Amino acid sequence: MVFQGSSAAISHTGKVRSNNQDSGYAGSNLFVVADGMGGHAGGDVASSLAISRLENLDRPYDSTAEAEKALGDAISDAAVDLVETVGVRPELAGMGTTVSALIMVDDYAVIAHIGDSRIYLYRDGALTQITTDHTFVQRLVDSGRITPEEARYHPRRSVLMRVLGDMDTDPELDTFIMPTQPGDRWLLCSDGLSGVVDDAHTAKALGLGLAPGRTADNLLKQALDGGAPDNVTIVIVDVGGQHPLFSGTPTIVGSASNPVGVEVPAAAPRRSSWLHPNRQAANEPTHFEPAPEFLEELIEEDRRRARRRRIGWIAGLALVLLLLVGAAWIGYQWTQTRYYVGADEDTVVIFRGVQQNIGPITLSTPYEDTEIPLDSLSEFARATVEGTISADSLAHARQIVSGINDLAGGGG
């Protein structure tokens, strides 16, 4: 049957890119995000071709198995389209796209995924990432070599290990089926959102209960406020709920919304330069899929980076320790310019240093034994000496001792 719920789709170029290589689709049963890559024109064409192939799947299905097979076949057909397009336009070689697609079948969500766009499920106040990024840094996270937080800022976070590209007509997809229920809120997005807005803020926006369109606007604003270095595409799907149901007209956003976006464009004039001949200059690719030998190079580079980070931490720790030792030495030297009058077992003594100790470390030493017997002092004078008397200098300490000696003589 036709999915009962509401949805919205939105796409934005962002604050850095000069064009939008993302595409998004929100229909009656089908919802898709595709993040294109491969230069100024290639990414546009790749994501548009993917949407063009998949939009024919926007219909009711008799079973989840039927929908899952239809998704896999359509994405494979899109890969063939990319290969054939590059055959006509060889200057687009290297283009590709991520695909994260969802088909609603009764009380189930049928999902197909390749690349680093994401599908999230917001249910009962908790946000869960449903898909796994097919990226180099995700492999590092899975192997325990870096944390998810480190992955967000890793210099190779955009390196894709699997992608729908022009080199493989049989892409390796993740497909699976999940039960869904009224009140569920599904989020499909390109990494232009997930790479800028963290899960906590995403969950907060989804949890406000606003209509899908207003929620998408809210998330887009957060991405733009965060700098939006890449294109941002968001599709939100509510299962059931109070908001208006599907109107019957699908929403297509991004490059696929351009009527000519899915056509193979006419060949552009070739530009050469001494550094990058025949290279598209309007936009650098946001992603690329490494060859196996390059992957080994990336892994070794990551090892070197980890070693440099450890060396940096060790050097920083050593510097901090050196500063602490230096500060302690300076402090100790200052204490040795101080004097006070106190007592040993039976006489009045001038001490060098300060009365305080730091744990087992004594900050004073006997400097001069005055040979004034403690038992020659009055009870009050003796208690005062044993409690120590601070002096501004050695001369001041000797002056204090002279006064004590006078008291001792008077008492004798």
Protein backbone atom coordinates (compact mmCIF):
# COMPACT_ATOMS: atom_id res chain seq x y z
CA MET A 1 0.00 0.00 0.00
CA VAL A 2 0.99 3.65 -0.30
CA PHE A 3 3.08 4.85 2.62
CA GLN A 4 1.12 6.75 5.26
CA GLY A 5 3.22 9.63 6.53
CA SER A 6 4.81 12.91 5.55
CA SER A 7 8.17 13.98 4.20
CA ALA A 8 10.29 16.87 3.00
CA ALA A 9 13.45 17.29 0.95
CA ILE A 10 15.83 20.24 0.78
CA SER A 11 19.23 20.83 -0.80
CA HIS A 12 21.67 23.74 -0.65
CA THR A 13 24.98 24.49 -2.37
CA GLY A 14 26.60 25.47 0.93
CA LYS A 15 28.95 28.36 1.56
CA VAL A 16 32.04 27.14 -0.30
CA ARG A 17 31.05 25.09 -3.36
CA SER A 18 30.15 26.90 -6.55
CA ASN A 19 27.53 24.34 -7.62
CA ASN A 20 25.34 21.66 -6.11
CA GLN A 21 26.41 18.10 -6.89
CA ASP A 22 23.90 16.57 -4.45
CA SER A 23 20.48 15.26 -5.40
CA GLY A 24 17.52 14.30 -3.26
CA TYR A 25 14.11 12.70 -3.77
CA ALA A 26 11.04 12.45 -1.53
CA GLY A 27 8.01 10.70 -3.03
CA SER A 28 5.11 8.52 -1.94
CA ASN A 29 7.13 5.41 -1.00
CA LEU A 30 10.70 6.19 -2.10
CA PHE A 31 13.22 8.53 -0.45
CA VAL A 32 16.80 9.04 -1.67
CA VAL A 33 19.92 11.14 -1.10
CA ALA A 34 22.78 11.01 -3.62
CA ASP A 35 26.02 12.96 -3.15
CA GLY A 36 27.85 13.32 -6.45
CA MET A 37 31.59 13.63 -6.93
CA GLY A 38 34.03 14.06 -9.78
CA GLY A 39 34.46 17.76 -10.51
CA HIS A 40 32.15 20.54 -11.62
CA ALA A 41 30.03 18.56 -14.10
CA GLY A 42 30.74 14.94 -13.14
CA GLY A 43 29.14 15.04 -9.71
CA ASP A 44 26.02 16.74 -11.06
CA VAL A 45 25.58 14.08 -13.73
CA ALA A 46 26.29 11.12 -11.44
CA SER A 47 23.81 12.02 -8.70
CA SER A 48 21.17 13.06 -11.27
CA LEU A 49 21.52 9.77 -13.15
CA ALA A 50 21.11 7.85 -9.89
CA ILE A 51 17.89 9.69 -9.01
CA SER A 52 16.62 9.27 -12.57
CA ARG A 53 17.01 5.50 -12.28
CA LEU A 54 15.60 5.21 -8.79
CA GLU A 55 12.54 7.44 -9.12
CA ASN A 56 10.82 4.73 -11.16
CA LEU A 57 10.70 2.66 -7.96
CA ASP A 58 8.33 5.09 -6.25
CA ARG A 59 5.30 2.79 -6.04
CA PRO A 60 3.65 0.29 -3.68
CA TYR A 61 5.22 -3.19 -3.36
CA ASP A 62 3.71 -6.55 -2.53
CA SER A 63 6.65 -7.53 -0.31
CA THR A 64 9.84 -6.20 1.20
CA ALA A 65 11.84 -8.75 -0.78
CA GLU A 66 10.45 -7.33 -4.02
CA ALA A 67 11.37 -3.80 -2.98
CA GLU A 68 14.88 -4.86 -1.88
CA LYS A 69 15.54 -6.55 -5.23
CA ALA A 70 14.17 -3.56 -7.14
CA LEU A 71 16.50 -1.23 -5.25
CA GLY A 72 19.56 -3.38 -5.91
CA ASP A 73 18.75 -3.76 -9.60
CA ALA A 74 18.08 -0.04 -10.09
CA ILE A 75 21.33 0.99 -8.42
CA SER A 76 23.25 -1.51 -10.55
CA ASP A 77 21.52 -0.07 -13.64
CA ALA A 78 22.60 3.40 -12.50
CA ALA A 79 26.20 2.14 -12.37
CA VAL A 80 25.85 0.98 -15.97
CA ASP A 81 24.49 4.41 -16.88
CA LEU A 82 27.61 6.03 -15.37
CA VAL A 83 29.93 3.73 -17.32
CA GLU A 84 28.07 4.39 -20.58
CA THR A 85 28.04 8.14 -19.94
CA VAL A 86 31.81 8.20 -19.49
CA GLY A 87 32.08 6.27 -22.75
CA VAL A 88 30.38 9.20 -24.47
CA ARG A 89 32.06 11.88 -22.37
CA PRO A 90 35.54 10.58 -21.39
CA GLU A 91 36.37 13.89 -19.71
CA LEU A 92 33.86 12.91 -16.98
CA ALA A 93 35.92 9.82 -16.07
CA GLY A 94 36.15 9.42 -12.31
CA MET A 95 32.67 10.68 -11.53
CA GLY A 96 30.53 8.84 -9.04
CA THR A 97 27.89 9.24 -6.36
CA THR A 98 26.83 7.95 -3.01
CA VAL A 99 23.33 6.52 -2.73
CA SER A 100 21.27 6.16 0.43
CA ALA A 101 17.74 5.04 -0.43
CA LEU A 102 14.71 3.95 1.55
CA ILE A 103 11.45 2.38 0.37
CA MET A 104 8.52 2.12 2.75
CA VAL A 105 6.64 -1.19 2.46
CA ASP A 106 3.78 -1.54 4.96
CA ASP A 107 5.44 -1.50 8.41
CA TYR A 108 8.98 -1.91 7.10
CA ALA A 109 11.76 0.25 5.72
CA VAL A 110 13.79 -1.29 2.89
CA ILE A 111 17.22 0.31 2.73
CA ALA A 112 20.05 0.33 0.18
CA HIS A 113 23.29 2.19 0.83
CA ILE A 114 26.71 2.84 -0.66
CA GLY A 115 29.12 5.65 0.22
CA ASP A 116 29.11 8.11 3.13
CA SER A 117 25.69 9.70 2.96
CA ARG A 118 23.70 8.53 5.96
CA ILE A 119 20.33 7.25 7.11
CA TYR A 120 19.32 7.90 10.73
CA LEU A 121 16.30 6.77 12.73
CA TYR A 122 14.89 9.00 15.48
CA ARG A 123 12.66 6.93 17.77
CA ASP A 124 11.50 7.53 21.34
CA GLY A 125 13.89 10.44 21.83
CA ALA A 126 17.00 8.56 20.63
CA LEU A 127 18.90 9.05 17.37
CA THR A 128 20.54 5.99 15.77
CA GLN A 129 22.76 5.92 12.70
CA ILE A 130 21.38 3.06 10.61
CA THR A 131 23.91 2.96 7.76
CA THR A 132 27.67 2.52 8.01
CA ASP A 133 29.99 4.92 6.19
CA HIS A 134 32.06 3.23 3.50
CA THR A 135 35.07 5.40 4.25
CA PHE A 136 38.72 4.98 5.10
CA VAL A 137 38.30 6.60 8.51
CA GLN A 138 35.32 4.36 9.35
CA ARG A 139 37.63 1.39 8.87
CA LEU A 140 40.05 3.03 11.28
CA VAL A 141 37.20 3.48 13.78
CA ASP A 142 36.03 -0.12 13.33
CA SER A 143 39.57 -1.39 13.96
CA GLY A 144 39.85 0.75 17.11
CA ARG A 145 42.71 2.85 15.76
CA ILE A 146 40.85 6.16 16.13
CA THR A 147 37.72 7.31 17.95
CA PRO A 148 34.51 8.47 16.22
CA GLU A 149 35.29 12.01 17.39
CA GLU A 150 38.78 11.84 15.81
CA ALA A 151 37.16 10.57 12.60
CA ARG A 152 35.11 13.78 12.31
CA TYR A 153 38.31 15.81 11.86
CA HIS A 154 40.60 13.27 10.20
CA PRO A 155 42.31 14.70 7.07
CA ARG A 156 41.21 11.62 5.07
CA ARG A 157 37.60 11.57 6.26
CA SER A 158 36.28 12.01 2.69
CA VAL A 159 38.13 9.04 1.18
CA LEU A 160 35.48 6.55 0.07
CA MET A 161 36.15 2.81 0.00
CA ARG A 162 32.90 2.01 -1.82
CA VAL A 163 30.99 4.25 -4.19
CA LEU A 164 28.63 4.08 -7.16
CA GLY A 165 31.12 4.97 -9.88
CA ASP A 166 32.02 4.60 -13.53
CA MET A 167 34.47 1.71 -13.02
CA ASP A 168 32.17 -1.03 -11.71
CA THR A 169 28.81 -2.15 -13.07
CA ASP A 170 28.27 -4.46 -10.08
CA PRO A 171 28.65 -2.22 -7.01
CA GLU A 172 28.80 -3.72 -3.52
CA LEU A 173 25.71 -2.43 -1.71
CA ASP A 174 24.48 -2.68 1.85
CA THR A 175 20.81 -3.69 1.73
CA PHE A 176 18.63 -4.59 4.68
CA ILE A 177 15.08 -4.41 6.00
CA MET A 178 13.99 -2.83 9.30
CA PRO A 179 10.61 -2.67 11.00
CA THR A 180 9.24 0.83 11.47
CA GLN A 181 6.34 2.18 13.50
CA PRO A 182 4.16 5.28 13.82
CA GLY A 183 6.11 8.11 15.38
CA ASP A 184 9.40 7.10 13.77
CA ARG A 185 11.29 9.90 12.07
CA TRP A 186 13.82 8.95 9.37
CA LEU A 187 16.60 11.28 8.25
CA LEU A 188 18.57 10.82 5.03
CA CYS A 189 21.40 13.28 4.50
CA SER A 190 24.64 13.94 2.66
CA ASP A 191 27.84 14.45 4.62
CA GLY A 192 27.36 18.18 4.15
CA LEU A 193 25.03 17.88 7.15
CA SER A 194 26.50 14.99 9.17
CA GLY A 195 30.04 16.33 8.80
CA VAL A 196 29.10 19.70 10.31
CA VAL A 197 26.17 19.15 12.69
CA ASP A 198 26.86 16.55 15.38
CA ASP A 199 24.38 13.88 16.43
CA ALA A 200 23.37 15.68 19.62
CA HIS A 201 22.21 18.79 17.78
CA THR A 202 20.59 16.69 15.04
CA ALA A 203 18.62 14.73 17.63
CA LYS A 204 17.53 17.94 19.34
CA ALA A 205 16.19 19.35 16.05
CA LEU A 206 14.36 16.13 15.19
CA GLY A 207 12.91 15.96 18.70
CA LEU A 208 11.19 19.35 18.51
CA GLY A 209 8.26 17.74 16.71
CA LEU A 210 8.09 20.35 13.95
CA ALA A 211 6.82 19.43 10.49
CA PRO A 212 9.40 17.73 8.22
CA GLY A 213 9.89 20.88 6.13
CA ARG A 214 10.55 23.14 9.13
CA THR A 215 12.81 20.51 10.68
CA ALA A 216 14.84 20.28 7.47
CA ASP A 217 15.13 24.08 7.39
CA ASN A 218 16.34 24.04 11.01
CA LEU A 219 19.04 21.45 10.27
CA LEU A 220 20.13 23.30 7.12
CA LYS A 221 20.50 26.52 9.09
CA GLN A 222 22.74 24.75 11.60
CA ALA A 223 24.92 23.43 8.76
CA LEU A 224 25.17 26.91 7.22
CA ASP A 225 25.96 28.45 10.60
CA GLY A 226 28.73 25.84 10.90
CA GLY A 227 30.34 26.98 7.65
CA ALA A 228 28.74 24.46 5.24
CA PRO A 229 31.95 23.63 3.34
CA ASP A 230 30.07 21.11 1.18
CA ASN A 231 26.65 20.75 -0.43
CA VAL A 232 23.90 19.94 2.08
CA THR A 233 20.97 17.66 1.23
CA ILE A 234 18.33 16.56 3.74
CA VAL A 235 15.31 14.26 3.37
CA ILE A 236 13.04 13.74 6.39
CA VAL A 237 10.37 11.04 6.52
CA ASP A 238 7.78 10.85 9.30
CA VAL A 239 5.86 7.61 9.78
CA GLY A 240 2.25 8.53 10.55
CA GLY A 241 1.97 11.66 12.65
CA GLN A 242 -0.08 14.83 12.64
CA HIS A 243 1.47 16.58 9.67
CA PRO A 244 -0.03 16.58 6.15
CA LEU A 245 0.31 13.38 4.16
CA PHE A 246 2.02 13.02 0.78
CA SER A 247 0.47 15.36 -1.76
CA GLY A 248 1.00 13.10 -4.79
CA THR A 249 3.82 15.12 -6.35
CA PRO A 250 7.37 13.98 -5.52
CA THR A 251 9.93 16.53 -4.37
CA ILE A 252 13.21 16.46 -6.29
CA VAL A 253 16.04 18.71 -5.10
CA GLY A 254 19.63 19.46 -5.99
CA SER A 255 21.14 18.78 -9.39
CA ALA A 256 18.44 16.22 -10.28
CA SER A 257 15.82 18.99 -10.08
CA ASN A 258 17.36 20.52 -13.21
CA PRO A 259 15.51 19.07 -16.24
CA VAL A 260 18.78 18.78 -18.14
CA GLY A 261 20.70 17.53 -15.12
CA VAL A 262 20.26 13.87 -16.07
CA GLU A 263 21.35 14.40 -19.66
CA VAL A 264 24.90 13.92 -20.80
CA PRO A 265 26.07 17.54 -21.30
CA ALA A 266 27.75 18.69 -24.44
CA ALA A 267 31.51 18.57 -24.40
CA ALA A 268 33.00 21.66 -22.77
CA PRO A 269 36.01 23.46 -24.26
CA ARG A 270 39.21 21.91 -23.01
CA ARG A 271 41.48 24.09 -20.91
CA SER A 272 45.10 23.26 -20.39
CA SER A 273 47.61 24.53 -17.93
CA TRP A 274 51.19 23.65 -17.21
CA LEU A 275 50.12 22.14 -13.86
CA HIS A 276 46.71 20.51 -14.40
CA PRO A 277 45.98 20.02 -18.14
CA ASN A 278 42.34 19.44 -19.12
CA ARG A 279 41.19 19.57 -15.50
CA GLN A 280 37.85 20.91 -14.35
CA ALA A 281 38.66 23.89 -12.17
CA ALA A 282 35.30 25.10 -10.86
CA ASN A 283 35.11 22.56 -8.07
CA GLU A 284 37.54 20.00 -6.75
CA PRO A 285 36.02 16.56 -6.06
CA THR A 286 34.81 16.14 -2.51
CA HIS A 287 35.45 12.40 -2.47
CA PHE A 288 37.42 9.77 -4.31
CA GLU A 289 37.77 6.01 -4.20
CA PRO A 290 41.36 4.86 -3.68
CA ALA A 291 43.06 2.10 -5.58
CA PRO A 292 44.32 -0.78 -3.36
CA GLU A 293 47.93 0.37 -3.55
CA PHE A 294 46.90 3.89 -2.60
CA LEU A 295 44.96 2.50 0.35
CA GLU A 296 48.18 0.96 1.65
CA GLU A 297 49.83 4.34 1.27
CA LEU A 298 46.98 5.96 3.23
CA ILE A 299 47.28 3.39 5.99
CA GLU A 300 51.02 4.00 6.25
CA GLU A 301 50.41 7.75 6.23
CA ASP A 302 47.96 7.30 9.09
CA ARG A 303 50.59 5.32 11.02
CA ARG A 304 53.08 8.15 10.49
CA ARG A 305 50.44 10.65 11.58
CA ALA A 306 49.75 8.62 14.74
CA ARG A 307 53.49 8.47 15.49
CA ARG A 308 53.81 12.23 15.00
CA ARG A 309 50.84 12.76 17.30
CA ARG A 310 52.41 10.55 19.98
CA ILE A 311 55.74 12.35 19.63
CA GLY A 312 53.92 15.67 19.88
CA TRP A 313 52.16 14.56 23.07
CA ILE A 314 55.42 13.31 24.58
CA ALA A 315 57.25 16.52 23.66
CA GLY A 316 54.40 18.60 25.07
CA LEU A 317 54.35 16.57 28.29
CA ALA A 318 58.13 16.90 28.60
CA LEU A 319 57.87 20.65 28.13
CA VAL A 320 55.15 20.92 30.79
CA LEU A 321 57.22 18.85 33.20
CA LEU A 322 60.28 20.98 32.46
CA LEU A 323 58.29 24.15 33.16
CA LEU A 324 56.95 22.67 36.40
CA VAL A 325 60.44 21.64 37.52
CA GLY A 326 61.76 25.09 36.60
CA ALA A 327 58.98 26.80 38.51
CA ALA A 328 59.60 24.53 41.52
CA TRP A 329 63.33 25.31 41.44
CA ILE A 330 62.71 29.05 41.24
CA GLY A 331 60.24 28.76 44.10
CA TYR A 332 62.70 26.77 46.19
CA GLN A 333 65.48 29.28 45.52
CA TRP A 334 63.17 32.05 46.72
CA THR A 335 62.48 30.16 49.97
CA GLN A 336 66.22 30.10 50.65
CA THR A 337 66.24 33.90 50.87
CA ARG A 338 63.82 33.71 53.82
CA TYR A 339 64.69 33.21 57.53
CA TYR A 340 62.83 32.50 60.75
CA VAL A 341 63.60 31.87 64.40
CA GLY A 342 62.60 28.55 65.90
CA ALA A 343 63.83 25.81 68.18
CA ASP A 344 65.53 22.47 67.96
CA GLU A 345 65.45 20.03 70.86
CA ASP A 346 66.88 22.38 73.49
CA THR A 347 68.12 25.70 71.99
CA VAL A 348 66.95 28.67 69.94
CA VAL A 349 67.95 28.31 66.26
CA ILE A 350 67.88 30.57 63.20
CA PHE A 351 66.48 28.61 60.23
CA ARG A 352 66.96 29.36 56.54
CA GLY A 353 63.86 28.84 54.38
CA VAL A 354 60.16 28.86 55.17
CA GLN A 355 58.19 27.04 57.81
CA GLN A 356 56.02 25.04 55.37
CA ASN A 357 56.90 21.61 53.99
CA ILE A 358 55.69 19.97 50.78
CA GLY A 359 54.97 16.38 51.71
CA PRO A 360 58.31 14.81 52.65
CA ILE A 361 60.24 17.78 51.24
CA THR A 362 61.52 20.19 53.92
CA LEU A 363 61.79 23.80 52.78
CA SER A 364 64.07 24.94 55.63
CA THR A 365 67.36 23.95 57.25
CA PRO A 366 69.10 25.06 60.49
CA TYR A 367 71.34 28.02 59.65
CA GLU A 368 72.72 29.18 63.02
CA ASP A 369 72.45 27.67 66.51
CA THR A 370 72.27 30.59 68.98
CA GLU A 371 73.08 28.29 71.96
CA ILE A 372 70.35 30.05 73.96
CA PRO A 373 68.78 27.29 76.10
CA LEU A 374 65.04 26.93 75.77
CA ASP A 375 64.72 26.31 79.51
CA SER A 376 66.20 29.76 80.16
CA LEU A 377 63.14 31.38 78.60
CA SER A 378 59.85 32.24 80.18
CA GLU A 379 56.97 29.93 79.38
CA PHE A 380 55.45 32.52 76.99
CA ALA A 381 58.78 33.23 75.21
CA ARG A 382 59.51 29.54 74.83
CA ALA A 383 56.06 28.87 73.34
CA THR A 384 56.57 31.79 70.93
CA VAL A 385 59.95 30.47 69.75
CA GLU A 386 58.69 26.92 69.36
CA GLY A 387 55.81 28.30 67.28
CA THR A 388 58.50 30.05 65.08
CA ILE A 389 58.97 33.77 64.46
CA SER A 390 59.22 34.95 60.81
CA ALA A 391 62.00 37.36 59.85
CA ASP A 392 62.38 39.63 56.84
CA SER A 393 66.12 38.88 56.55
CA LEU A 394 69.07 37.26 58.32
CA ALA A 395 69.80 40.58 60.04
CA HIS A 396 66.22 40.76 61.23
CA ALA A 397 66.41 37.17 62.53
CA ARG A 398 69.57 38.02 64.52
CA GLN A 399 67.81 41.09 65.90
CA ILE A 400 64.95 38.84 67.10
CA VAL A 401 67.48 36.47 68.70
CA SER A 402 69.13 39.42 70.47
CA GLY A 403 65.81 40.34 72.00
CA ILE A 404 65.24 36.74 73.09
CA ASN A 405 68.72 36.63 74.58
CA ASP A 406 67.98 39.77 76.60
CA LEU A 407 64.85 38.10 77.92
CA ALA A 408 66.81 34.99 78.78
CA GLY A 409 69.46 37.06 80.59
CA GLY A 410 66.82 39.00 82.47
CA GLY A 411 65.19 35.75 83.49
CA GLY A 412 68.54 34.39 84.76
